[in-house]
Amino acid sequence: MSLHLAIILDGNRRFAKRLMLEPWKGHEYGAKRVELLLEWCKEFKINELTLYSFSIQNFNRPKEEFNYLMKLFSEMFTKFADDPRIKKNEIKIRFLGRYELFPKELASLFKEIAEKTKNNSKFILNFAMAYGGREEIVDAIKKIVSEHPEPEKITEDYVEKHLYIDSAPDIIIRTGGEKRTSNFLPWQSVYSELFFIDKTWPEFEKEDLVNILNEYNQRERRFGK
């Protein structure tokens, strides 16, 4: 069974504050948790993972935090680019969003990784970077308009092909206690099963994922029927 898991990685800053650290230091703890998550996905045979890593609104973060995040992303994805496990496990890495808004070197790194892994097919890892769901739909509309299609050709399938991704998450998890999806995959998530947990992202454990998967397997998915 194929399974697409999506996670809104929330609560990094609150986690750091509880440790009496600068708020942005929490993102480092969150990045380490992502590495563990990839191992858990492999174990539970999850074949696609989408992580809400940086929203379009996050560009408004304080300058010191923004600079810290850019440095962290650079280090993290440089490591990803050379990680032998990417090739061994045939991981395709994609970046969803207006990531050209990032500093030039970082945006180039994203393109390099995506190009390098585009033919891998066993596991898909999507990073939503400079992402916004409404912005995704606007970008899709722009592409559609540029093609001048006949109105009757504009079906749901046609629109989906112009989105950043056309695969729908089976499960969406939001950590950190908030109970909203915050502009994350509004088109793709209409029939996703939603899970909201109070733990911040750096506190998320394998046991939490097991509990969510168990509950998911007990839910009856009706897809509006």
N, C-alpha and C. Protein backbone atom coordinates (compact mmCIF):
# COMPACT_ATOMS: atom_id res chain seq x y z
N MET A 1 0.85 -1.20 0.00
CA MET A 1 0.00 0.00 0.00
C MET A 1 0.87 1.24 0.00
N SER A 2 0.61 2.15 -0.94
CA SER A 2 1.36 3.41 -0.96
C SER A 2 0.73 4.38 0.03
N LEU A 3 1.55 5.19 0.64
CA LEU A 3 1.06 6.14 1.64
C LEU A 3 1.83 7.44 1.51
N HIS A 4 1.09 8.54 1.41
CA HIS A 4 1.68 9.87 1.33
C HIS A 4 1.41 10.58 2.65
N LEU A 5 2.48 10.88 3.36
CA LEU A 5 2.41 11.56 4.65
C LEU A 5 2.90 13.00 4.49
N ALA A 6 2.16 13.95 5.05
CA ALA A 6 2.57 15.35 5.03
C ALA A 6 2.56 15.89 6.45
N ILE A 7 3.56 16.72 6.77
CA ILE A 7 3.67 17.23 8.14
C ILE A 7 3.94 18.73 8.13
N ILE A 8 3.18 19.45 8.94
CA ILE A 8 3.43 20.86 9.20
C ILE A 8 4.34 20.91 10.42
N LEU A 9 5.59 21.27 10.20
CA LEU A 9 6.62 21.20 11.24
C LEU A 9 6.55 22.43 12.13
N ASP A 10 5.69 22.39 13.12
CA ASP A 10 5.43 23.58 13.93
C ASP A 10 5.94 23.39 15.36
N GLY A 11 6.37 24.50 15.96
CA GLY A 11 6.73 24.51 17.37
C GLY A 11 8.22 24.56 17.67
N ASN A 12 9.05 24.70 16.64
CA ASN A 12 10.51 24.74 16.87
C ASN A 12 10.91 25.87 17.81
N ARG A 13 10.34 27.05 17.60
CA ARG A 13 10.74 28.21 18.41
C ARG A 13 10.27 28.08 19.85
N ARG A 14 9.05 27.58 20.03
CA ARG A 14 8.55 27.39 21.40
C ARG A 14 9.38 26.35 22.15
N PHE A 15 9.81 25.33 21.44
CA PHE A 15 10.66 24.31 22.05
C PHE A 15 11.97 24.93 22.55
N ALA A 16 12.58 25.79 21.72
CA ALA A 16 13.84 26.42 22.11
C ALA A 16 13.66 27.35 23.31
N LYS A 17 12.55 28.08 23.33
CA LYS A 17 12.29 29.00 24.44
C LYS A 17 12.20 28.26 25.77
N ARG A 18 11.60 27.06 25.73
CA ARG A 18 11.50 26.27 26.95
C ARG A 18 12.87 25.82 27.45
N LEU A 19 13.81 25.72 26.51
CA LEU A 19 15.18 25.36 26.88
C LEU A 19 16.03 26.59 27.19
N MET A 20 15.38 27.77 27.21
CA MET A 20 16.06 29.03 27.49
C MET A 20 17.11 29.35 26.43
N LEU A 21 16.81 28.99 25.18
CA LEU A 21 17.70 29.28 24.05
C LEU A 21 17.07 30.37 23.19
N GLU A 22 17.88 30.95 22.28
CA GLU A 22 17.31 31.86 21.31
C GLU A 22 16.26 31.08 20.52
N PRO A 23 15.11 31.71 20.20
CA PRO A 23 14.02 30.98 19.55
C PRO A 23 14.43 30.23 18.29
N TRP A 24 15.28 30.86 17.48
CA TRP A 24 15.63 30.24 16.20
C TRP A 24 16.50 28.99 16.34
N LYS A 25 17.08 28.80 17.51
CA LYS A 25 17.89 27.60 17.74
C LYS A 25 17.04 26.33 17.66
N GLY A 26 15.74 26.48 17.86
CA GLY A 26 14.85 25.32 17.80
C GLY A 26 14.83 24.67 16.43
N HIS A 27 15.12 25.43 15.39
CA HIS A 27 15.09 24.87 14.04
C HIS A 27 16.17 23.81 13.86
N GLU A 28 17.26 23.96 14.57
CA GLU A 28 18.33 22.95 14.50
C GLU A 28 17.86 21.62 15.07
N TYR A 29 17.15 21.70 16.19
CA TYR A 29 16.58 20.48 16.77
C TYR A 29 15.56 19.87 15.81
N GLY A 30 14.79 20.73 15.16
CA GLY A 30 13.79 20.25 14.21
C GLY A 30 14.41 19.54 13.02
N ALA A 31 15.54 20.06 12.54
CA ALA A 31 16.23 19.44 11.40
C ALA A 31 16.72 18.04 11.75
N LYS A 32 17.21 17.87 12.96
CA LYS A 32 17.67 16.54 13.40
C LYS A 32 16.50 15.56 13.48
N ARG A 33 15.33 16.07 13.86
CA ARG A 33 14.15 15.21 13.94
C ARG A 33 13.73 14.74 12.55
N VAL A 34 13.94 15.58 11.54
CA VAL A 34 13.61 15.19 10.16
C VAL A 34 14.44 13.98 9.74
N GLU A 35 15.71 13.97 10.12
CA GLU A 35 16.56 12.83 9.77
C GLU A 35 16.01 11.53 10.37
N LEU A 36 15.54 11.59 11.61
CA LEU A 36 14.93 10.42 12.23
C LEU A 36 13.65 10.01 11.51
N LEU A 37 12.87 11.03 11.13
CA LEU A 37 11.60 10.77 10.45
C LEU A 37 11.81 9.97 9.17
N LEU A 38 12.86 10.27 8.44
CA LEU A 38 13.13 9.55 7.19
C LEU A 38 13.36 8.07 7.46
N GLU A 39 14.03 7.76 8.55
CA GLU A 39 14.24 6.36 8.92
C GLU A 39 12.91 5.70 9.28
N TRP A 40 12.04 6.42 9.99
CA TRP A 40 10.75 5.86 10.38
C TRP A 40 9.88 5.61 9.14
N CYS A 41 9.93 6.53 8.19
CA CYS A 41 9.15 6.35 6.97
C CYS A 41 9.58 5.09 6.22
N LYS A 42 10.86 4.87 6.19
CA LYS A 42 11.38 3.66 5.54
C LYS A 42 10.87 2.42 6.25
N GLU A 43 10.89 2.46 7.57
CA GLU A 43 10.46 1.32 8.36
C GLU A 43 8.99 1.00 8.15
N PHE A 44 8.16 2.05 8.04
CA PHE A 44 6.72 1.84 7.93
C PHE A 44 6.22 1.88 6.49
N LYS A 45 7.17 1.84 5.56
CA LYS A 45 6.85 1.75 4.13
C LYS A 45 5.99 2.91 3.64
N ILE A 46 6.25 4.09 4.18
CA ILE A 46 5.65 5.32 3.64
C ILE A 46 6.45 5.70 2.41
N ASN A 47 5.81 5.91 1.28
CA ASN A 47 6.57 6.10 0.05
C ASN A 47 6.63 7.55 -0.44
N GLU A 48 5.90 8.46 0.24
CA GLU A 48 6.02 9.88 -0.10
C GLU A 48 5.83 10.71 1.16
N LEU A 49 6.69 11.69 1.31
CA LEU A 49 6.68 12.55 2.49
C LEU A 49 6.79 14.00 2.04
N THR A 50 5.87 14.84 2.52
CA THR A 50 5.90 16.27 2.20
C THR A 50 6.01 17.05 3.50
N LEU A 51 7.02 17.90 3.58
CA LEU A 51 7.30 18.64 4.81
C LEU A 51 7.12 20.13 4.57
N TYR A 52 6.25 20.74 5.37
CA TYR A 52 6.05 22.20 5.30
C TYR A 52 7.18 22.83 6.09
N SER A 53 8.22 23.23 5.37
CA SER A 53 9.48 23.64 6.00
C SER A 53 9.64 25.15 6.13
N PHE A 54 9.10 25.91 5.15
CA PHE A 54 9.27 27.36 5.16
C PHE A 54 8.18 27.96 4.30
N SER A 55 7.29 28.72 4.92
CA SER A 55 6.17 29.30 4.18
C SER A 55 6.59 30.60 3.51
N ILE A 56 5.77 31.04 2.59
CA ILE A 56 6.03 32.31 1.91
C ILE A 56 5.99 33.45 2.92
N GLN A 57 5.17 33.29 3.96
CA GLN A 57 5.06 34.33 4.99
C GLN A 57 6.29 34.34 5.91
N ASN A 58 7.04 33.26 5.96
CA ASN A 58 8.20 33.19 6.84
C ASN A 58 9.32 34.13 6.43
N PHE A 59 9.23 34.70 5.23
CA PHE A 59 10.24 35.70 4.83
C PHE A 59 10.15 36.95 5.72
N ASN A 60 9.07 37.07 6.47
CA ASN A 60 8.91 38.22 7.36
C ASN A 60 9.50 37.97 8.75
N ARG A 61 10.15 36.84 8.94
CA ARG A 61 10.78 36.56 10.23
C ARG A 61 11.88 37.58 10.52
N PRO A 62 12.21 37.80 11.80
CA PRO A 62 13.30 38.71 12.14
C PRO A 62 14.59 38.36 11.40
N LYS A 63 15.37 39.36 11.06
CA LYS A 63 16.54 39.16 10.21
C LYS A 63 17.51 38.13 10.78
N GLU A 64 17.74 38.18 12.09
CA GLU A 64 18.69 37.24 12.69
C GLU A 64 18.21 35.81 12.55
N GLU A 65 16.90 35.61 12.75
CA GLU A 65 16.35 34.27 12.59
C GLU A 65 16.39 33.83 11.13
N PHE A 66 16.05 34.74 10.22
CA PHE A 66 16.08 34.42 8.79
C PHE A 66 17.48 34.00 8.37
N ASN A 67 18.49 34.77 8.77
CA ASN A 67 19.86 34.45 8.39
C ASN A 67 20.29 33.10 8.97
N TYR A 68 19.86 32.84 10.19
CA TYR A 68 20.18 31.56 10.83
C TYR A 68 19.55 30.41 10.03
N LEU A 69 18.31 30.59 9.60
CA LEU A 69 17.62 29.56 8.83
C LEU A 69 18.29 29.32 7.49
N MET A 70 18.71 30.40 6.82
CA MET A 70 19.37 30.24 5.53
C MET A 70 20.67 29.44 5.68
N LYS A 71 21.39 29.71 6.76
CA LYS A 71 22.63 28.97 7.03
C LYS A 71 22.32 27.51 7.32
N LEU A 72 21.28 27.28 8.11
CA LEU A 72 20.88 25.91 8.45
C LEU A 72 20.44 25.15 7.20
N PHE A 73 19.62 25.78 6.36
CA PHE A 73 19.18 25.14 5.12
C PHE A 73 20.37 24.81 4.23
N SER A 74 21.31 25.74 4.13
CA SER A 74 22.48 25.52 3.29
C SER A 74 23.27 24.31 3.77
N GLU A 75 23.49 24.23 5.08
CA GLU A 75 24.25 23.11 5.65
C GLU A 75 23.49 21.79 5.47
N MET A 76 22.19 21.84 5.75
CA MET A 76 21.37 20.64 5.69
C MET A 76 21.28 20.08 4.28
N PHE A 77 21.02 20.95 3.31
CA PHE A 77 20.83 20.46 1.95
C PHE A 77 22.14 20.17 1.23
N THR A 78 23.22 20.82 1.63
CA THR A 78 24.53 20.44 1.10
C THR A 78 24.86 19.02 1.54
N LYS A 79 24.53 18.71 2.79
CA LYS A 79 24.71 17.36 3.31
C LYS A 79 23.83 16.37 2.55
N PHE A 80 22.60 16.78 2.28
CA PHE A 80 21.67 15.93 1.53
C PHE A 80 22.22 15.61 0.14
N ALA A 81 22.78 16.61 -0.50
CA ALA A 81 23.25 16.44 -1.88
C ALA A 81 24.30 15.35 -1.99
N ASP A 82 25.10 15.17 -0.95
CA ASP A 82 26.20 14.21 -0.98
C ASP A 82 25.92 12.95 -0.16
N ASP A 83 24.71 12.80 0.35
CA ASP A 83 24.40 11.67 1.20
C ASP A 83 24.22 10.40 0.35
N PRO A 84 25.05 9.39 0.56
CA PRO A 84 24.95 8.16 -0.26
C PRO A 84 23.62 7.44 -0.10
N ARG A 85 22.91 7.70 1.00
CA ARG A 85 21.63 7.05 1.23
C ARG A 85 20.57 7.50 0.22
N ILE A 86 20.75 8.71 -0.33
CA ILE A 86 19.80 9.22 -1.33
C ILE A 86 19.80 8.30 -2.55
N LYS A 87 21.00 7.97 -3.02
CA LYS A 87 21.11 7.09 -4.19
C LYS A 87 20.75 5.66 -3.84
N LYS A 88 21.24 5.19 -2.69
CA LYS A 88 20.99 3.82 -2.28
C LYS A 88 19.51 3.53 -2.14
N ASN A 89 18.76 4.46 -1.55
CA ASN A 89 17.33 4.27 -1.32
C ASN A 89 16.46 4.85 -2.42
N GLU A 90 17.11 5.33 -3.48
CA GLU A 90 16.41 5.89 -4.65
C GLU A 90 15.38 6.94 -4.25
N ILE A 91 15.85 7.96 -3.54
CA ILE A 91 14.99 9.03 -3.06
C ILE A 91 14.95 10.18 -4.06
N LYS A 92 13.76 10.50 -4.49
CA LYS A 92 13.56 11.69 -5.34
C LYS A 92 13.23 12.87 -4.43
N ILE A 93 13.99 13.95 -4.55
CA ILE A 93 13.77 15.14 -3.72
C ILE A 93 13.22 16.26 -4.58
N ARG A 94 12.12 16.82 -4.15
CA ARG A 94 11.49 17.93 -4.88
C ARG A 94 11.29 19.11 -3.93
N PHE A 95 11.30 20.29 -4.50
CA PHE A 95 11.10 21.52 -3.73
C PHE A 95 9.86 22.22 -4.27
N LEU A 96 8.90 22.44 -3.39
CA LEU A 96 7.62 23.00 -3.78
C LEU A 96 7.53 24.44 -3.30
N GLY A 97 7.23 25.35 -4.20
CA GLY A 97 7.07 26.73 -3.79
C GLY A 97 7.85 27.68 -4.67
N ARG A 98 7.88 28.93 -4.27
CA ARG A 98 8.59 29.97 -5.02
C ARG A 98 10.02 30.08 -4.49
N TYR A 99 10.74 28.96 -4.57
CA TYR A 99 12.05 28.91 -3.92
C TYR A 99 13.10 29.77 -4.61
N GLU A 100 12.76 30.33 -5.76
CA GLU A 100 13.68 31.28 -6.40
C GLU A 100 13.81 32.56 -5.57
N LEU A 101 12.93 32.74 -4.58
CA LEU A 101 13.00 33.90 -3.69
C LEU A 101 14.12 33.77 -2.66
N PHE A 102 14.65 32.57 -2.50
CA PHE A 102 15.75 32.36 -1.57
C PHE A 102 17.04 32.96 -2.14
N PRO A 103 18.04 33.15 -1.29
CA PRO A 103 19.34 33.59 -1.80
C PRO A 103 19.79 32.70 -2.96
N LYS A 104 20.47 33.30 -3.92
CA LYS A 104 20.79 32.64 -5.19
C LYS A 104 21.49 31.29 -5.01
N GLU A 105 22.47 31.24 -4.11
CA GLU A 105 23.22 30.00 -3.94
C GLU A 105 22.33 28.88 -3.40
N LEU A 106 21.41 29.23 -2.51
CA LEU A 106 20.52 28.24 -1.94
C LEU A 106 19.52 27.75 -2.99
N ALA A 107 18.96 28.66 -3.76
CA ALA A 107 18.02 28.28 -4.81
C ALA A 107 18.70 27.38 -5.84
N SER A 108 19.96 27.68 -6.15
CA SER A 108 20.72 26.85 -7.09
C SER A 108 20.96 25.46 -6.53
N LEU A 109 21.19 25.38 -5.21
CA LEU A 109 21.39 24.09 -4.55
C LEU A 109 20.12 23.26 -4.64
N PHE A 110 18.97 23.88 -4.44
CA PHE A 110 17.69 23.17 -4.56
C PHE A 110 17.54 22.59 -5.97
N LYS A 111 17.82 23.39 -6.97
CA LYS A 111 17.69 22.93 -8.36
C LYS A 111 18.64 21.78 -8.65
N GLU A 112 19.86 21.89 -8.12
CA GLU A 112 20.86 20.84 -8.32
C GLU A 112 20.41 19.51 -7.72
N ILE A 113 19.88 19.56 -6.50
CA ILE A 113 19.43 18.34 -5.83
C ILE A 113 18.24 17.73 -6.57
N ALA A 114 17.30 18.58 -6.96
CA ALA A 114 16.12 18.09 -7.68
C ALA A 114 16.52 17.43 -9.00
N GLU A 115 17.44 18.04 -9.71
CA GLU A 115 17.90 17.50 -11.00
C GLU A 115 18.65 16.17 -10.79
N LYS A 116 19.47 16.15 -9.76
CA LYS A 116 20.29 14.97 -9.47
C LYS A 116 19.45 13.75 -9.09
N THR A 117 18.29 13.98 -8.49
CA THR A 117 17.47 12.88 -7.97
C THR A 117 16.19 12.62 -8.77
N LYS A 118 16.00 13.32 -9.86
CA LYS A 118 14.70 13.30 -10.55
C LYS A 118 14.31 11.93 -11.09
N ASN A 119 15.28 11.05 -11.34
CA ASN A 119 14.97 9.74 -11.88
C ASN A 119 14.80 8.66 -10.81
N ASN A 120 14.99 9.04 -9.55
CA ASN A 120 14.76 8.10 -8.46
C ASN A 120 13.26 7.91 -8.27
N SER A 121 12.86 6.72 -7.80
CA SER A 121 11.42 6.46 -7.78
C SER A 121 10.90 5.69 -6.57
N LYS A 122 11.77 5.18 -5.71
CA LYS A 122 11.29 4.36 -4.60
C LYS A 122 10.67 5.19 -3.48
N PHE A 123 11.18 6.40 -3.28
CA PHE A 123 10.67 7.27 -2.21
C PHE A 123 10.72 8.71 -2.68
N ILE A 124 9.65 9.45 -2.45
CA ILE A 124 9.58 10.86 -2.85
C ILE A 124 9.58 11.72 -1.60
N LEU A 125 10.49 12.67 -1.56
CA LEU A 125 10.61 13.59 -0.43
C LEU A 125 10.41 15.01 -0.95
N ASN A 126 9.31 15.62 -0.53
CA ASN A 126 8.97 16.98 -0.95
C ASN A 126 9.22 17.97 0.18
N PHE A 127 9.99 19.01 -0.10
CA PHE A 127 10.17 20.09 0.85
C PHE A 127 9.38 21.30 0.36
N ALA A 128 8.39 21.73 1.12
CA ALA A 128 7.64 22.93 0.78
C ALA A 128 8.43 24.13 1.28
N MET A 129 9.07 24.83 0.35
CA MET A 129 10.00 25.92 0.67
C MET A 129 9.52 27.19 -0.03
N ALA A 130 9.39 28.28 0.74
CA ALA A 130 8.77 29.50 0.21
C ALA A 130 7.41 29.12 -0.38
N TYR A 131 6.71 28.28 0.39
CA TYR A 131 5.46 27.70 -0.09
C TYR A 131 4.25 28.42 0.49
N GLY A 132 3.23 28.51 -0.32
CA GLY A 132 1.91 28.95 0.13
C GLY A 132 0.88 28.27 -0.76
N GLY A 133 -0.19 27.75 -0.17
CA GLY A 133 -1.18 27.03 -0.95
C GLY A 133 -1.94 27.92 -1.93
N ARG A 134 -2.32 29.09 -1.48
CA ARG A 134 -3.01 30.01 -2.40
C ARG A 134 -2.05 30.46 -3.51
N GLU A 135 -0.81 30.68 -3.12
CA GLU A 135 0.20 31.08 -4.12
C GLU A 135 0.40 29.96 -5.15
N GLU A 136 0.33 28.72 -4.69
CA GLU A 136 0.46 27.58 -5.62
C GLU A 136 -0.67 27.61 -6.65
N ILE A 137 -1.88 27.87 -6.19
CA ILE A 137 -3.02 27.91 -7.10
C ILE A 137 -2.91 29.08 -8.07
N VAL A 138 -2.45 30.24 -7.56
CA VAL A 138 -2.23 31.40 -8.44
C VAL A 138 -1.20 31.07 -9.51
N ASP A 139 -0.11 30.42 -9.11
CA ASP A 139 0.93 30.06 -10.08
C ASP A 139 0.39 29.08 -11.12
N ALA A 140 -0.47 28.16 -10.68
CA ALA A 140 -1.08 27.21 -11.61
C ALA A 140 -1.98 27.94 -12.62
N ILE A 141 -2.75 28.91 -12.12
CA ILE A 141 -3.63 29.68 -13.01
C ILE A 141 -2.81 30.44 -14.06
N LYS A 142 -1.70 31.01 -13.64
CA LYS A 142 -0.84 31.73 -14.58
C LYS A 142 -0.34 30.81 -15.70
N LYS A 143 0.05 29.58 -15.32
CA LYS A 143 0.52 28.62 -16.33
C LYS A 143 -0.61 28.24 -17.28
N ILE A 144 -1.80 28.03 -16.71
CA ILE A 144 -2.94 27.64 -17.53
C ILE A 144 -3.31 28.75 -18.50
N VAL A 145 -3.35 29.98 -18.01
CA VAL A 145 -3.70 31.13 -18.87
C VAL A 145 -2.70 31.27 -20.01
N SER A 146 -1.43 31.02 -19.72
CA SER A 146 -0.39 31.17 -20.75
C SER A 146 -0.55 30.14 -21.87
N GLU A 147 -1.25 29.06 -21.60
CA GLU A 147 -1.46 28.01 -22.61
C GLU A 147 -2.71 28.25 -23.47
N HIS A 148 -3.54 29.22 -23.09
CA HIS A 148 -4.76 29.57 -23.83
C HIS A 148 -5.63 28.34 -24.13
N PRO A 149 -5.96 27.54 -23.11
CA PRO A 149 -6.77 26.35 -23.39
C PRO A 149 -8.22 26.71 -23.66
N GLU A 150 -8.90 25.82 -24.38
CA GLU A 150 -10.34 25.97 -24.53
C GLU A 150 -10.98 25.72 -23.15
N PRO A 151 -12.02 26.49 -22.78
CA PRO A 151 -12.62 26.36 -21.44
C PRO A 151 -13.00 24.93 -21.08
N GLU A 152 -13.53 24.17 -22.06
CA GLU A 152 -13.97 22.81 -21.74
C GLU A 152 -12.79 21.88 -21.41
N LYS A 153 -11.58 22.29 -21.72
CA LYS A 153 -10.40 21.46 -21.41
C LYS A 153 -9.92 21.64 -19.97
N ILE A 154 -10.42 22.69 -19.30
CA ILE A 154 -9.97 22.97 -17.94
C ILE A 154 -10.77 22.13 -16.96
N THR A 155 -10.27 20.94 -16.71
CA THR A 155 -10.87 20.01 -15.75
C THR A 155 -10.03 20.00 -14.48
N GLU A 156 -10.49 19.26 -13.47
CA GLU A 156 -9.69 19.13 -12.25
C GLU A 156 -8.33 18.50 -12.56
N ASP A 157 -8.33 17.48 -13.42
CA ASP A 157 -7.07 16.84 -13.77
C ASP A 157 -6.12 17.82 -14.46
N TYR A 158 -6.69 18.67 -15.30
CA TYR A 158 -5.88 19.65 -16.02
C TYR A 158 -5.24 20.63 -15.04
N VAL A 159 -6.03 21.08 -14.07
CA VAL A 159 -5.49 22.01 -13.06
C VAL A 159 -4.41 21.33 -12.23
N GLU A 160 -4.66 20.09 -11.81
CA GLU A 160 -3.70 19.38 -10.97
C GLU A 160 -2.34 19.25 -11.63
N LYS A 161 -2.33 19.07 -12.92
CA LYS A 161 -1.06 18.92 -13.65
C LYS A 161 -0.23 20.20 -13.62
N HIS A 162 -0.85 21.32 -13.26
CA HIS A 162 -0.14 22.60 -13.22
C HIS A 162 0.22 23.03 -11.79
N LEU A 163 -0.17 22.21 -10.82
CA LEU A 163 0.22 22.49 -9.44
C LEU A 163 1.66 22.04 -9.21
N TYR A 164 2.22 22.41 -8.07
CA TYR A 164 3.58 21.98 -7.75
C TYR A 164 3.66 20.46 -7.68
N ILE A 165 2.65 19.83 -7.05
CA ILE A 165 2.53 18.37 -7.05
C ILE A 165 1.06 18.01 -7.23
N ASP A 166 0.83 16.85 -7.85
CA ASP A 166 -0.56 16.43 -8.04
C ASP A 166 -0.92 15.26 -7.15
N SER A 167 -0.01 14.82 -6.29
CA SER A 167 -0.31 13.73 -5.37
C SER A 167 -0.93 14.28 -4.09
N ALA A 168 -1.97 13.61 -3.60
CA ALA A 168 -2.69 14.08 -2.42
C ALA A 168 -2.22 13.33 -1.18
N PRO A 169 -1.92 14.04 -0.10
CA PRO A 169 -1.52 13.34 1.14
C PRO A 169 -2.67 12.52 1.71
N ASP A 170 -2.35 11.32 2.15
CA ASP A 170 -3.34 10.52 2.86
C ASP A 170 -3.50 11.03 4.29
N ILE A 171 -2.38 11.45 4.87
CA ILE A 171 -2.34 11.92 6.26
C ILE A 171 -1.64 13.27 6.31
N ILE A 172 -2.22 14.22 7.04
CA ILE A 172 -1.52 15.47 7.35
C ILE A 172 -1.45 15.61 8.86
N ILE A 173 -0.24 15.79 9.35
CA ILE A 173 0.00 15.97 10.79
C ILE A 173 0.45 17.41 11.02
N ARG A 174 -0.10 18.03 12.03
CA ARG A 174 0.45 19.32 12.48
C ARG A 174 0.85 19.18 13.94
N THR A 175 2.11 19.48 14.19
CA THR A 175 2.61 19.49 15.56
C THR A 175 2.44 20.89 16.15
N GLY A 176 2.67 21.01 17.45
CA GLY A 176 2.71 22.33 18.07
C GLY A 176 1.41 22.82 18.67
N GLY A 177 0.34 22.04 18.56
CA GLY A 177 -0.90 22.40 19.24
C GLY A 177 -1.90 23.23 18.46
N GLU A 178 -1.49 23.84 17.35
CA GLU A 178 -2.45 24.62 16.55
C GLU A 178 -3.33 23.68 15.74
N LYS A 179 -4.58 24.07 15.53
CA LYS A 179 -5.53 23.21 14.82
C LYS A 179 -6.01 23.90 13.55
N ARG A 180 -5.09 24.12 12.67
CA ARG A 180 -5.39 24.68 11.35
C ARG A 180 -4.29 24.23 10.39
N THR A 181 -4.55 24.34 9.10
CA THR A 181 -3.58 23.87 8.12
C THR A 181 -2.72 24.99 7.54
N SER A 182 -3.07 26.24 7.81
CA SER A 182 -2.20 27.39 7.52
C SER A 182 -1.67 27.42 6.08
N ASN A 183 -2.61 27.36 5.12
CA ASN A 183 -2.25 27.57 3.72
C ASN A 183 -1.38 26.45 3.17
N PHE A 184 -1.56 25.24 3.71
CA PHE A 184 -0.75 24.10 3.29
C PHE A 184 -1.57 23.15 2.43
N LEU A 185 -1.19 23.02 1.18
CA LEU A 185 -1.80 22.07 0.23
C LEU A 185 -3.33 22.13 0.22
N PRO A 186 -3.93 23.31 0.04
CA PRO A 186 -5.40 23.41 0.10
C PRO A 186 -6.10 22.59 -0.98
N TRP A 187 -5.51 22.51 -2.17
CA TRP A 187 -6.14 21.72 -3.24
C TRP A 187 -5.99 20.22 -2.95
N GLN A 188 -4.78 19.82 -2.61
CA GLN A 188 -4.46 18.39 -2.48
C GLN A 188 -5.05 17.75 -1.21
N SER A 189 -5.38 18.57 -0.21
CA SER A 189 -5.72 18.03 1.11
C SER A 189 -7.21 17.86 1.37
N VAL A 190 -8.04 18.02 0.34
CA VAL A 190 -9.49 18.05 0.60
C VAL A 190 -10.02 16.77 1.24
N TYR A 191 -9.36 15.63 0.99
CA TYR A 191 -9.79 14.38 1.61
C TYR A 191 -8.69 13.74 2.47
N SER A 192 -7.70 14.53 2.84
CA SER A 192 -6.65 14.03 3.72
C SER A 192 -7.20 13.83 5.13
N GLU A 193 -6.67 12.86 5.83
CA GLU A 193 -7.00 12.65 7.23
C GLU A 193 -6.09 13.55 8.07
N LEU A 194 -6.69 14.37 8.93
CA LEU A 194 -5.94 15.38 9.68
C LEU A 194 -5.68 14.92 11.12
N PHE A 195 -4.46 15.19 11.58
CA PHE A 195 -4.07 14.86 12.95
C PHE A 195 -3.35 16.07 13.55
N PHE A 196 -3.84 16.55 14.68
CA PHE A 196 -3.21 17.68 15.37
C PHE A 196 -2.71 17.20 16.72
N ILE A 197 -1.42 17.42 16.99
CA ILE A 197 -0.88 16.98 18.28
C ILE A 197 -0.24 18.17 18.99
N ASP A 198 -0.25 18.11 20.30
CA ASP A 198 0.24 19.23 21.11
C ASP A 198 1.77 19.31 21.16
N LYS A 199 2.44 18.20 20.99
CA LYS A 199 3.91 18.21 21.03
C LYS A 199 4.48 19.13 19.95
N THR A 200 5.56 19.82 20.27
CA THR A 200 6.26 20.59 19.24
C THR A 200 7.01 19.62 18.33
N TRP A 201 7.41 20.10 17.15
CA TRP A 201 8.06 19.20 16.21
C TRP A 201 9.33 18.54 16.77
N PRO A 202 10.23 19.25 17.46
CA PRO A 202 11.42 18.57 17.98
C PRO A 202 11.11 17.49 19.01
N GLU A 203 9.89 17.50 19.56
CA GLU A 203 9.50 16.49 20.55
C GLU A 203 8.82 15.28 19.92
N PHE A 204 8.55 15.35 18.63
CA PHE A 204 7.80 14.29 17.94
C PHE A 204 8.61 13.00 17.96
N GLU A 205 7.98 11.91 18.41
CA GLU A 205 8.66 10.63 18.57
C GLU A 205 8.08 9.57 17.63
N LYS A 206 8.85 8.52 17.47
CA LYS A 206 8.40 7.38 16.66
C LYS A 206 7.06 6.86 17.16
N GLU A 207 6.88 6.84 18.47
CA GLU A 207 5.63 6.37 19.07
C GLU A 207 4.44 7.20 18.61
N ASP A 208 4.66 8.52 18.44
CA ASP A 208 3.58 9.39 17.97
C ASP A 208 3.16 9.02 16.56
N LEU A 209 4.15 8.73 15.72
CA LEU A 209 3.84 8.33 14.35
C LEU A 209 3.12 6.99 14.33
N VAL A 210 3.54 6.05 15.14
CA VAL A 210 2.88 4.74 15.23
C VAL A 210 1.42 4.91 15.63
N ASN A 211 1.17 5.76 16.64
CA ASN A 211 -0.20 5.98 17.10
C ASN A 211 -1.07 6.59 16.00
N ILE A 212 -0.50 7.51 15.26
CA ILE A 212 -1.25 8.16 14.17
C ILE A 212 -1.55 7.15 13.06
N LEU A 213 -0.55 6.34 12.70
CA LEU A 213 -0.77 5.34 11.65
C LEU A 213 -1.82 4.32 12.08
N ASN A 214 -1.81 3.95 13.35
CA ASN A 214 -2.81 3.00 13.85
C ASN A 214 -4.22 3.60 13.78
N GLU A 215 -4.34 4.87 14.19
CA GLU A 215 -5.65 5.51 14.12
C GLU A 215 -6.10 5.69 12.67
N TYR A 216 -5.16 6.06 11.81
CA TYR A 216 -5.48 6.22 10.38
C TYR A 216 -6.05 4.92 9.81
N ASN A 217 -5.44 3.80 10.16
CA ASN A 217 -5.89 2.50 9.65
C ASN A 217 -7.28 2.12 10.16
N GLN A 218 -7.72 2.76 11.25
CA GLN A 218 -9.04 2.47 11.79
C GLN A 218 -10.11 3.42 11.24
N ARG A 219 -9.69 4.49 10.60
CA ARG A 219 -10.66 5.44 10.05
C ARG A 219 -11.20 4.92 8.72
N GLU A 220 -12.45 5.26 8.45
CA GLU A 220 -13.06 4.90 7.18
C GLU A 220 -13.01 6.12 6.26
N ARG A 221 -12.26 6.00 5.18
CA ARG A 221 -12.12 7.11 4.25
C ARG A 221 -13.22 7.02 3.19
N ARG A 222 -14.05 8.05 3.13
CA ARG A 222 -15.22 7.99 2.26
C ARG A 222 -15.07 8.84 0.99
N PHE A 223 -14.15 9.78 1.00
CA PHE A 223 -13.92 10.65 -0.15
C PHE A 223 -15.22 11.28 -0.64
N GLY A 224 -16.02 11.74 0.33
CA GLY A 224 -17.26 12.45 -0.01
C GLY A 224 -18.43 11.56 -0.38
N LYS A 225 -18.24 10.24 -0.32
CA LYS A 225 -19.30 9.33 -0.74
C LYS A 225 -20.20 8.95 0.44
